[in-house]
PDB file of all heavy atoms in Angstrom:
ATOM      1  N   ILE A   1      -6.896   0.622   0.675  1.00  0.00           N
ATOM      2  CA  ILE A   1      -6.428   1.704  -0.193  1.00  0.00           C
ATOM      3  C   ILE A   1      -6.836   1.337  -1.616  1.00  0.00           C
ATOM      4  O   ILE A   1      -6.656   0.190  -2.037  1.00  0.00           O
ATOM      5  CB  ILE A   1      -4.896   1.861  -0.118  1.00  0.00           C
ATOM      6  CG1 ILE A   1      -4.452   2.109   1.326  1.00  0.00           C
ATOM      7  CG2 ILE A   1      -4.425   2.982  -1.036  1.00  0.00           C
ATOM      8  CD1 ILE A   1      -2.954   1.965   1.537  1.00  0.00           C
ATOM      9  N   ARG A   2      -7.371   2.295  -2.341  1.00  0.00           N
ATOM     10  CA  ARG A   2      -7.756   2.041  -3.727  1.00  0.00           C
ATOM     11  C   ARG A   2      -6.553   1.478  -4.490  1.00  0.00           C
ATOM     12  O   ARG A   2      -5.439   1.996  -4.380  1.00  0.00           O
ATOM     13  CB  ARG A   2      -8.222   3.349  -4.363  1.00  0.00           C
ATOM     14  CG  ARG A   2      -8.896   3.167  -5.682  1.00  0.00           C
ATOM     15  CD  ARG A   2      -9.462   4.435  -6.255  1.00  0.00           C
ATOM     16  NE  ARG A   2      -9.443   5.583  -5.370  1.00  0.00           N
ATOM     17  CZ  ARG A   2      -9.607   6.829  -5.790  1.00  0.00           C
ATOM     18  NH1 ARG A   2      -9.802   7.085  -7.057  1.00  0.00           N
ATOM     19  NH2 ARG A   2      -9.582   7.827  -4.941  1.00  0.00           N
ATOM     20  N   ALA A   3      -6.779   0.392  -5.219  1.00  0.00           N
ATOM     21  CA  ALA A   3      -5.694  -0.276  -5.953  1.00  0.00           C
ATOM     22  C   ALA A   3      -4.921   0.732  -6.803  1.00  0.00           C
ATOM     23  O   ALA A   3      -5.508   1.520  -7.541  1.00  0.00           O
ATOM     24  CB  ALA A   3      -6.251  -1.392  -6.822  1.00  0.00           C
ATOM     25  N   GLY A   4      -3.616   0.716  -6.662  1.00  0.00           N
ATOM     26  CA  GLY A   4      -2.746   1.617  -7.409  1.00  0.00           C
ATOM     27  C   GLY A   4      -2.394   2.896  -6.666  1.00  0.00           C
ATOM     28  O   GLY A   4      -1.480   3.612  -7.077  1.00  0.00           O
ATOM     29  N   PHE A   5      -3.081   3.212  -5.567  1.00  0.00           N
ATOM     30  CA  PHE A   5      -2.828   4.435  -4.836  1.00  0.00           C
ATOM     31  C   PHE A   5      -1.901   4.231  -3.638  1.00  0.00           C
ATOM     32  O   PHE A   5      -1.490   5.181  -3.001  1.00  0.00           O
ATOM     33  CB  PHE A   5      -4.141   5.080  -4.381  1.00  0.00           C
ATOM     34  CG  PHE A   5      -4.847   5.784  -5.499  1.00  0.00           C
ATOM     35  CD1 PHE A   5      -5.613   5.070  -6.407  1.00  0.00           C
ATOM     36  CD2 PHE A   5      -4.736   7.143  -5.662  1.00  0.00           C
ATOM     37  CE1 PHE A   5      -6.254   5.703  -7.454  1.00  0.00           C
ATOM     38  CE2 PHE A   5      -5.377   7.792  -6.702  1.00  0.00           C
ATOM     39  CZ  PHE A   5      -6.134   7.063  -7.604  1.00  0.00           C
ATOM     40  N   GLY A   6      -1.576   2.995  -3.318  1.00  0.00           N
ATOM     41  CA  GLY A   6      -0.681   2.703  -2.202  1.00  0.00           C
ATOM     42  C   GLY A   6       0.678   3.344  -2.372  1.00  0.00           C
ATOM     43  O   GLY A   6       1.288   3.806  -1.403  1.00  0.00           O
ATOM     44  N   ILE A   7       1.147   3.417  -3.591  1.00  0.00           N
ATOM     45  CA  ILE A   7       2.457   4.020  -3.847  1.00  0.00           C
ATOM     46  C   ILE A   7       2.435   5.515  -3.526  1.00  0.00           C
ATOM     47  O   ILE A   7       3.415   6.059  -3.021  1.00  0.00           O
ATOM     48  CB  ILE A   7       2.932   3.743  -5.299  1.00  0.00           C
ATOM     49  CG1 ILE A   7       4.415   3.982  -5.423  1.00  0.00           C
ATOM     50  CG2 ILE A   7       2.167   4.528  -6.307  1.00  0.00           C
ATOM     51  CD1 ILE A   7       5.260   2.888  -4.862  1.00  0.00           C
ATOM     52  N   LYS A   8       1.293   6.192  -3.760  1.00  0.00           N
ATOM     53  CA  LYS A   8       1.165   7.607  -3.383  1.00  0.00           C
ATOM     54  C   LYS A   8       1.199   7.757  -1.867  1.00  0.00           C
ATOM     55  O   LYS A   8       1.801   8.675  -1.339  1.00  0.00           O
ATOM     56  CB  LYS A   8      -0.126   8.190  -3.939  1.00  0.00           C
ATOM     57  CG  LYS A   8      -0.103   8.446  -5.423  1.00  0.00           C
ATOM     58  CD  LYS A   8      -1.319   9.239  -5.838  1.00  0.00           C
ATOM     59  CE  LYS A   8      -1.269   9.588  -7.289  1.00  0.00           C
ATOM     60  NZ  LYS A   8      -0.340  10.662  -7.595  1.00  0.00           N
ATOM     61  N   VAL A   9       0.536   6.826  -1.173  1.00  0.00           N
ATOM     62  CA  VAL A   9       0.538   6.869   0.289  1.00  0.00           C
ATOM     63  C   VAL A   9       1.951   6.662   0.807  1.00  0.00           C
ATOM     64  O   VAL A   9       2.417   7.397   1.678  1.00  0.00           O
ATOM     65  CB  VAL A   9      -0.432   5.818   0.876  1.00  0.00           C
ATOM     66  CG1 VAL A   9      -0.298   5.742   2.386  1.00  0.00           C
ATOM     67  CG2 VAL A   9      -1.866   6.132   0.482  1.00  0.00           C
ATOM     68  N   LEU A  10       2.663   5.683   0.266  1.00  0.00           N
ATOM     69  CA  LEU A  10       4.055   5.448   0.688  1.00  0.00           C
ATOM     70  C   LEU A  10       4.920   6.673   0.425  1.00  0.00           C
ATOM     71  O   LEU A  10       5.750   7.043   1.247  1.00  0.00           O
ATOM     72  CB  LEU A  10       4.647   4.246  -0.044  1.00  0.00           C
ATOM     73  CG  LEU A  10       4.346   2.883   0.529  1.00  0.00           C
ATOM     74  CD1 LEU A  10       4.922   1.800  -0.363  1.00  0.00           C
ATOM     75  CD2 LEU A  10       4.863   2.733   1.937  1.00  0.00           C
ATOM     76  N   GLY A  11       4.715   7.304  -0.722  1.00  0.00           N
ATOM     77  CA  GLY A  11       5.481   8.509  -1.052  1.00  0.00           C
ATOM     78  C   GLY A  11       5.223   9.629  -0.070  1.00  0.00           C
ATOM     79  O   GLY A  11       6.146  10.308   0.383  1.00  0.00           O
ATOM     80  N   TYR A  12       3.967   9.818   0.299  1.00  0.00           N
ATOM     81  CA  TYR A  12       3.631  10.851   1.273  1.00  0.00           C
ATOM     82  C   TYR A  12       4.267  10.537   2.625  1.00  0.00           C
ATOM     83  O   TYR A  12       4.804  11.412   3.285  1.00  0.00           O
ATOM     84  CB  TYR A  12       2.119  10.992   1.426  1.00  0.00           C
ATOM     85  CG  TYR A  12       1.768  11.719   2.692  1.00  0.00           C
ATOM     86  CD1 TYR A  12       2.009  13.088   2.822  1.00  0.00           C
ATOM     87  CD2 TYR A  12       1.277  11.044   3.795  1.00  0.00           C
ATOM     88  CE1 TYR A  12       1.750  13.750   3.997  1.00  0.00           C
ATOM     89  CE2 TYR A  12       1.011  11.711   4.973  1.00  0.00           C
ATOM     90  CZ  TYR A  12       1.249  13.050   5.070  1.00  0.00           C
ATOM     91  OH  TYR A  12       1.008  13.700   6.245  1.00  0.00           O
ATOM     92  N   LEU A  13       4.185   9.273   3.036  1.00  0.00           N
ATOM     93  CA  LEU A  13       4.713   8.881   4.338  1.00  0.00           C
ATOM     94  C   LEU A  13       6.231   8.916   4.384  1.00  0.00           C
ATOM     95  O   LEU A  13       6.822   9.005   5.446  1.00  0.00           O
ATOM     96  CB  LEU A  13       4.229   7.473   4.704  1.00  0.00           C
ATOM     97  CG  LEU A  13       2.733   7.298   4.884  1.00  0.00           C
ATOM     98  CD1 LEU A  13       2.404   5.832   5.103  1.00  0.00           C
ATOM     99  CD2 LEU A  13       2.224   8.146   6.029  1.00  0.00           C
ATOM    100  N   GLY A  14       6.867   8.822   3.220  1.00  0.00           N
ATOM    101  CA  GLY A  14       8.321   8.767   3.180  1.00  0.00           C
ATOM    102  C   GLY A  14       8.849   7.474   3.769  1.00  0.00           C
ATOM    103  O   GLY A  14       9.971   7.416   4.268  1.00  0.00           O
ATOM    104  N   ALA A  15       8.048   6.423   3.725  1.00  0.00           N
ATOM    105  CA  ALA A  15       8.445   5.128   4.293  1.00  0.00           C
ATOM    106  C   ALA A  15       9.458   4.457   3.381  1.00  0.00           C
ATOM    107  O   ALA A  15       9.158   4.127   2.241  1.00  0.00           O
ATOM    108  CB  ALA A  15       7.219   4.235   4.471  1.00  0.00           C
ATOM    109  N   THR A  16      10.653   4.281   3.890  1.00  0.00           N
ATOM    110  CA  THR A  16      11.720   3.681   3.095  1.00  0.00           C
ATOM    111  C   THR A  16      12.076   2.282   3.556  1.00  0.00           C
ATOM    112  O   THR A  16      12.713   1.536   2.834  1.00  0.00           O
ATOM    113  CB  THR A  16      12.990   4.546   3.165  1.00  0.00           C
ATOM    114  OG1 THR A  16      13.422   4.596   4.537  1.00  0.00           O
ATOM    115  CG2 THR A  16      12.733   5.947   2.644  1.00  0.00           C
ATOM    116  N   GLY A  17      11.699   1.926   4.781  1.00  0.00           N
ATOM    117  CA  GLY A  17      12.063   0.619   5.317  1.00  0.00           C
ATOM    118  C   GLY A  17      13.488   0.579   5.839  1.00  0.00           C
ATOM    119  O   GLY A  17      13.993  -0.486   6.188  1.00  0.00           O
ATOM    120  N   LYS A  18      14.168   1.719   5.893  1.00  0.00           N
ATOM    121  CA  LYS A  18      15.554   1.740   6.359  1.00  0.00           C
ATOM    122  C   LYS A  18      15.681   1.448   7.847  1.00  0.00           C
ATOM    123  O   LYS A  18      16.628   0.832   8.281  1.00  0.00           O
ATOM    124  CB  LYS A  18      16.212   3.086   6.038  1.00  0.00           C
ATOM    125  CG  LYS A  18      16.460   3.274   4.564  1.00  0.00           C
ATOM    126  CD  LYS A  18      17.149   4.596   4.299  1.00  0.00           C
ATOM    127  CE  LYS A  18      17.398   4.771   2.820  1.00  0.00           C
ATOM    128  NZ  LYS A  18      18.026   6.047   2.519  1.00  0.00           N
ATOM    129  N   SER A  19      14.688   1.912   8.634  1.00  0.00           N
ATOM    130  CA  SER A  19      14.802   1.710  10.077  1.00  0.00           C
ATOM    131  C   SER A  19      13.805   0.678  10.607  1.00  0.00           C
ATOM    132  O   SER A  19      14.123  -0.057  11.525  1.00  0.00           O
ATOM    133  CB  SER A  19      14.624   3.034  10.816  1.00  0.00           C
ATOM    134  OG  SER A  19      13.371   3.599  10.508  1.00  0.00           O
ATOM    135  N   ASP A  20      12.614   0.630  10.044  1.00  0.00           N
ATOM    136  CA  ASP A  20      11.603  -0.321  10.495  1.00  0.00           C
ATOM    137  C   ASP A  20      11.030  -1.071   9.302  1.00  0.00           C
ATOM    138  O   ASP A  20      11.157  -0.653   8.156  1.00  0.00           O
ATOM    139  CB  ASP A  20      10.478   0.403  11.244  1.00  0.00           C
ATOM    140  CG  ASP A  20      10.956   0.971  12.574  1.00  0.00           C
ATOM    141  OD1 ASP A  20      11.579   0.212  13.333  1.00  0.00           O
ATOM    142  OD2 ASP A  20      10.715   2.156  12.840  1.00  0.00           O
ATOM    143  N   THR A  21      10.357  -2.164   9.586  1.00  0.00           N
ATOM    144  CA  THR A  21       9.798  -3.005   8.540  1.00  0.00           C
ATOM    145  C   THR A  21       8.594  -2.340   7.900  1.00  0.00           C
ATOM    146  O   THR A  21       7.707  -1.817   8.581  1.00  0.00           O
ATOM    147  CB  THR A  21       9.373  -4.366   9.125  1.00  0.00           C
ATOM    148  OG1 THR A  21      10.505  -4.953   9.741  1.00  0.00           O
ATOM    149  CG2 THR A  21       8.843  -5.279   8.048  1.00  0.00           C
ATOM    150  N   VAL A  22       8.556  -2.363   6.566  1.00  0.00           N
ATOM    151  CA  VAL A  22       7.440  -1.851   5.786  1.00  0.00           C
ATOM    152  C   VAL A  22       7.010  -2.948   4.827  1.00  0.00           C
ATOM    153  O   VAL A  22       7.837  -3.490   4.102  1.00  0.00           O
ATOM    154  CB  VAL A  22       7.833  -0.589   4.977  1.00  0.00           C
ATOM    155  CG1 VAL A  22       6.686  -0.139   4.088  1.00  0.00           C
ATOM    156  CG2 VAL A  22       8.282   0.524   5.892  1.00  0.00           C
ATOM    157  N   ALA A  23       5.723  -3.294   4.850  1.00  0.00           N
ATOM    158  CA  ALA A  23       5.176  -4.247   3.884  1.00  0.00           C
ATOM    159  C   ALA A  23       4.188  -3.495   3.011  1.00  0.00           C
ATOM    160  O   ALA A  23       3.315  -2.788   3.510  1.00  0.00           O
ATOM    161  CB  ALA A  23       4.486  -5.400   4.599  1.00  0.00           C
ATOM    162  N   PHE A  24       4.334  -3.647   1.701  1.00  0.00           N
ATOM    163  CA  PHE A  24       3.466  -2.974   0.745  1.00  0.00           C
ATOM    164  C   PHE A  24       2.887  -4.034  -0.176  1.00  0.00           C
ATOM    165  O   PHE A  24       3.613  -4.698  -0.904  1.00  0.00           O
ATOM    166  CB  PHE A  24       4.257  -1.924  -0.033  1.00  0.00           C
ATOM    167  CG  PHE A  24       3.475  -1.221  -1.104  1.00  0.00           C
ATOM    168  CD1 PHE A  24       2.154  -0.872  -0.923  1.00  0.00           C
ATOM    169  CD2 PHE A  24       4.080  -0.883  -2.296  1.00  0.00           C
ATOM    170  CE1 PHE A  24       1.438  -0.207  -1.907  1.00  0.00           C
ATOM    171  CE2 PHE A  24       3.388  -0.218  -3.289  1.00  0.00           C
ATOM    172  CZ  PHE A  24       2.065   0.122  -3.095  1.00  0.00           C
ATOM    173  N   ILE A  25       1.584  -4.195  -0.118  1.00  0.00           N
ATOM    174  CA  ILE A  25       0.903  -5.204  -0.920  1.00  0.00           C
ATOM    175  C   ILE A  25       0.052  -4.474  -1.951  1.00  0.00           C
ATOM    176  O   ILE A  25      -0.790  -3.639  -1.593  1.00  0.00           O
ATOM    177  CB  ILE A  25       0.014  -6.100  -0.034  1.00  0.00           C
ATOM    178  CG1 ILE A  25       0.873  -6.732   1.059  1.00  0.00           C
ATOM    179  CG2 ILE A  25      -0.696  -7.157  -0.865  1.00  0.00           C
ATOM    180  CD1 ILE A  25       0.100  -7.163   2.272  1.00  0.00           C
ATOM    181  N   MET A  26       0.273  -4.774  -3.208  1.00  0.00           N
ATOM    182  CA  MET A  26      -0.455  -4.121  -4.293  1.00  0.00           C
ATOM    183  C   MET A  26      -1.453  -5.081  -4.919  1.00  0.00           C
ATOM    184  O   MET A  26      -1.184  -6.266  -5.065  1.00  0.00           O
ATOM    185  CB  MET A  26       0.515  -3.655  -5.388  1.00  0.00           C
ATOM    186  CG  MET A  26       1.442  -2.550  -4.965  1.00  0.00           C
ATOM    187  SD  MET A  26       2.553  -2.050  -6.283  1.00  0.00           S
ATOM    188  CE  MET A  26       1.414  -1.293  -7.414  1.00  0.00           C
ATOM    189  N   ASN A  27      -2.602  -4.522  -5.280  1.00  0.00           N
ATOM    190  CA  ASN A  27      -3.592  -5.232  -6.079  1.00  0.00           C
ATOM    191  C   ASN A  27      -4.095  -6.520  -5.423  1.00  0.00           C
ATOM    192  O   ASN A  27      -4.334  -7.520  -6.094  1.00  0.00           O
ATOM    193  CB  ASN A  27      -3.020  -5.511  -7.475  1.00  0.00           C
ATOM    194  CG  ASN A  27      -4.087  -5.463  -8.528  1.00  0.00           C
ATOM    195  OD1 ASN A  27      -5.130  -4.860  -8.354  1.00  0.00           O
ATOM    196  ND2 ASN A  27      -3.817  -6.109  -9.637  1.00  0.00           N
ATOM    197  N   ALA A  28      -4.255  -6.495  -4.117  1.00  0.00           N
ATOM    198  CA  ALA A  28      -4.749  -7.668  -3.382  1.00  0.00           C
ATOM    199  C   ALA A  28      -6.259  -7.793  -3.573  1.00  0.00           C
ATOM    200  O   ALA A  28      -6.953  -6.795  -3.741  1.00  0.00           O
ATOM    201  CB  ALA A  28      -4.427  -7.524  -1.894  1.00  0.00           C
ATOM    202  N   PRO A  29      -6.789  -9.014  -3.547  1.00  0.00           N
ATOM    203  CA  PRO A  29      -8.246  -9.171  -3.654  1.00  0.00           C
ATOM    204  C   PRO A  29      -8.947  -8.513  -2.468  1.00  0.00           C
ATOM    205  O   PRO A  29      -8.427  -8.481  -1.364  1.00  0.00           O
ATOM    206  CB  PRO A  29      -8.456 -10.680  -3.608  1.00  0.00           C
ATOM    207  CG  PRO A  29      -7.116 -11.300  -3.723  1.00  0.00           C
ATOM    208  CD  PRO A  29      -6.090 -10.269  -3.426  1.00  0.00           C
ATOM    209  N   SER A  30     -10.144  -7.965  -2.720  1.00  0.00           N
ATOM    210  CA  SER A  30     -10.900  -7.274  -1.681  1.00  0.00           C
ATOM    211  C   SER A  30     -12.370  -7.654  -1.769  1.00  0.00           C
ATOM    212  O   SER A  30     -12.916  -7.777  -2.859  1.00  0.00           O
ATOM    213  CB  SER A  30     -10.746  -5.763  -1.850  1.00  0.00           C
ATOM    214  OG  SER A  30     -11.615  -5.059  -1.003  1.00  0.00           O
ATOM    215  N   LYS A  31     -13.015  -7.807  -0.622  1.00  0.00           N
ATOM    216  CA  LYS A  31     -14.446  -8.086  -0.604  1.00  0.00           C
ATOM    217  C   LYS A  31     -15.252  -6.804  -0.837  1.00  0.00           C
ATOM    218  O   LYS A  31     -16.289  -6.832  -1.479  1.00  0.00           O
ATOM    219  CB  LYS A  31     -14.856  -8.723   0.732  1.00  0.00           C
ATOM    220  CG  LYS A  31     -14.301 -10.119   0.908  1.00  0.00           C
ATOM    221  CD  LYS A  31     -14.673 -10.696   2.255  1.00  0.00           C
ATOM    222  CE  LYS A  31     -14.005 -12.050   2.427  1.00  0.00           C
ATOM    223  NZ  LYS A  31     -14.188 -12.577   3.774  1.00  0.00           N
ATOM    224  N   LYS A  32     -14.767  -5.663  -0.298  1.00  0.00           N
ATOM    225  CA  LYS A  32     -15.458  -4.385  -0.466  1.00  0.00           C
ATOM    226  C   LYS A  32     -15.308  -3.842  -1.881  1.00  0.00           C
ATOM    227  O   LYS A  32     -16.241  -3.342  -2.475  1.00  0.00           O
ATOM    228  CB  LYS A  32     -14.921  -3.344   0.521  1.00  0.00           C
ATOM    229  CG  LYS A  32     -15.369  -3.531   1.937  1.00  0.00           C
ATOM    230  CD  LYS A  32     -14.880  -2.367   2.776  1.00  0.00           C
ATOM    231  CE  LYS A  32     -15.376  -2.469   4.205  1.00  0.00           C
ATOM    232  NZ  LYS A  32     -14.937  -1.335   4.998  1.00  0.00           N
ATOM    233  N   HIS A  33     -14.089  -3.876  -2.376  1.00  0.00           N
ATOM    234  CA  HIS A  33     -13.764  -3.408  -3.721  1.00  0.00           C
ATOM    235  C   HIS A  33     -13.139  -4.608  -4.421  1.00  0.00           C
ATOM    236  O   HIS A  33     -12.695  -5.554  -3.783  1.00  0.00           O
ATOM    237  CB  HIS A  33     -12.773  -2.243  -3.665  1.00  0.00           C
ATOM    238  CG  HIS A  33     -13.133  -1.207  -2.643  1.00  0.00           C
ATOM    239  ND1 HIS A  33     -14.176  -0.330  -2.800  1.00  0.00           N
ATOM    240  CD2 HIS A  33     -12.600  -0.921  -1.427  1.00  0.00           C
ATOM    241  CE1 HIS A  33     -14.259   0.451  -1.736  1.00  0.00           C
ATOM    242  NE2 HIS A  33     -13.309   0.117  -0.884  1.00  0.00           N
ATOM    243  N   SER A  34     -13.067  -4.614  -5.698  1.00  0.00           N
ATOM    244  CA  SER A  34     -12.502  -5.788  -6.362  1.00  0.00           C
ATOM    245  C   SER A  34     -11.014  -5.961  -6.035  1.00  0.00           C
ATOM    246  O   SER A  34     -10.542  -7.072  -5.851  1.00  0.00           O
ATOM    247  CB  SER A  34     -12.718  -5.720  -7.868  1.00  0.00           C
ATOM    248  OG  SER A  34     -12.091  -4.580  -8.410  1.00  0.00           O
ATOM    249  N   ARG A  35     -10.280  -4.849  -5.926  1.00  0.00           N
ATOM    250  CA  ARG A  35      -8.847  -4.884  -5.622  1.00  0.00           C
ATOM    251  C   ARG A  35      -8.503  -3.779  -4.646  1.00  0.00           C
ATOM    252  O   ARG A  35      -9.191  -2.766  -4.556  1.00  0.00           O
ATOM    253  CB  ARG A  35      -8.007  -4.710  -6.885  1.00  0.00           C
ATOM    254  CG  ARG A  35      -8.187  -5.790  -7.912  1.00  0.00           C
ATOM    255  CD  ARG A  35      -7.858  -7.078  -7.345  1.00  0.00           C
ATOM    256  NE  ARG A  35      -7.203  -7.987  -8.251  1.00  0.00           N
ATOM    257  CZ  ARG A  35      -6.877  -9.208  -7.882  1.00  0.00           C
ATOM    258  NH1 ARG A  35      -7.097  -9.615  -6.667  1.00  0.00           N
ATOM    259  NH2 ARG A  35      -6.318 -10.036  -8.704  1.00  0.00           N
ATOM    260  N   LYS A  36      -7.401  -3.952  -3.903  1.00  0.00           N
ATOM    261  CA  LYS A  36      -6.963  -2.940  -2.939  1.00  0.00           C
ATOM    262  C   LYS A  36      -5.457  -3.043  -2.741  1.00  0.00           C
ATOM    263  O   LYS A  36      -4.833  -4.032  -3.094  1.00  0.00           O
ATOM    264  CB  LYS A  36      -7.669  -3.129  -1.598  1.00  0.00           C
ATOM    265  CG  LYS A  36      -7.273  -4.425  -0.875  1.00  0.00           C
ATOM    266  CD  LYS A  36      -7.997  -4.566   0.440  1.00  0.00           C
ATOM    267  CE  LYS A  36      -7.637  -5.881   1.125  1.00  0.00           C
ATOM    268  NZ  LYS A  36      -8.312  -6.019   2.414  1.00  0.00           N
ATOM    269  N   ASP A  37      -4.893  -1.984  -2.160  1.00  0.00           N
ATOM    270  CA  ASP A  37      -3.501  -1.975  -1.706  1.00  0.00           C
ATOM    271  C   ASP A  37      -3.524  -1.965  -0.181  1.00  0.00           C
ATOM    272  O   ASP A  37      -4.472  -1.467   0.434  1.00  0.00           O
ATOM    273  CB  ASP A  37      -2.751  -0.745  -2.217  1.00  0.00           C
ATOM    274  CG  ASP A  37      -2.504  -0.761  -3.722  1.00  0.00           C
ATOM    275  OD1 ASP A  37      -2.792  -1.785  -4.363  1.00  0.00           O
ATOM    276  OD2 ASP A  37      -2.022   0.261  -4.245  1.00  0.00           O
ATOM    277  N   ILE A  38      -2.457  -2.507   0.425  1.00  0.00           N
ATOM    278  CA  ILE A  38      -2.333  -2.552   1.882  1.00  0.00           C
ATOM    279  C   ILE A  38      -0.909  -2.148   2.244  1.00  0.00           C
ATOM    280  O   ILE A  38       0.040  -2.564   1.580  1.00  0.00           O
ATOM    281  CB  ILE A  38      -2.596  -3.974   2.432  1.00  0.00           C
ATOM    282  CG1 ILE A  38      -3.964  -4.490   1.983  1.00  0.00           C
ATOM    283  CG2 ILE A  38      -2.475  -3.994   3.953  1.00  0.00           C
ATOM    284  CD1 ILE A  38      -4.146  -5.977   2.205  1.00  0.00           C
ATOM    285  N   ILE A  39      -0.770  -1.353   3.293  1.00  0.00           N
ATOM    286  CA  ILE A  39       0.556  -0.969   3.792  1.00  0.00           C
ATOM    287  C   ILE A  39       0.628  -1.322   5.269  1.00  0.00           C
ATOM    288  O   ILE A  39      -0.273  -0.978   6.034  1.00  0.00           O
ATOM    289  CB  ILE A  39       0.817   0.534   3.603  1.00  0.00           C
ATOM    290  CG1 ILE A  39       0.775   0.897   2.120  1.00  0.00           C
ATOM    291  CG2 ILE A  39       2.148   0.941   4.225  1.00  0.00           C
ATOM    292  CD1 ILE A  39       0.818   2.377   1.847  1.00  0.00           C
TER     293      ILE A  39
END
């Protein structure tokens, strides 16, 4: 996910982590792009 856009994806998904585990990693190093987000 383009760095900084992961929060938009989480918002769309409505993922709150209330029932299942959600991991959100921001600004991680990437080989394809300099930075990325991961959910």
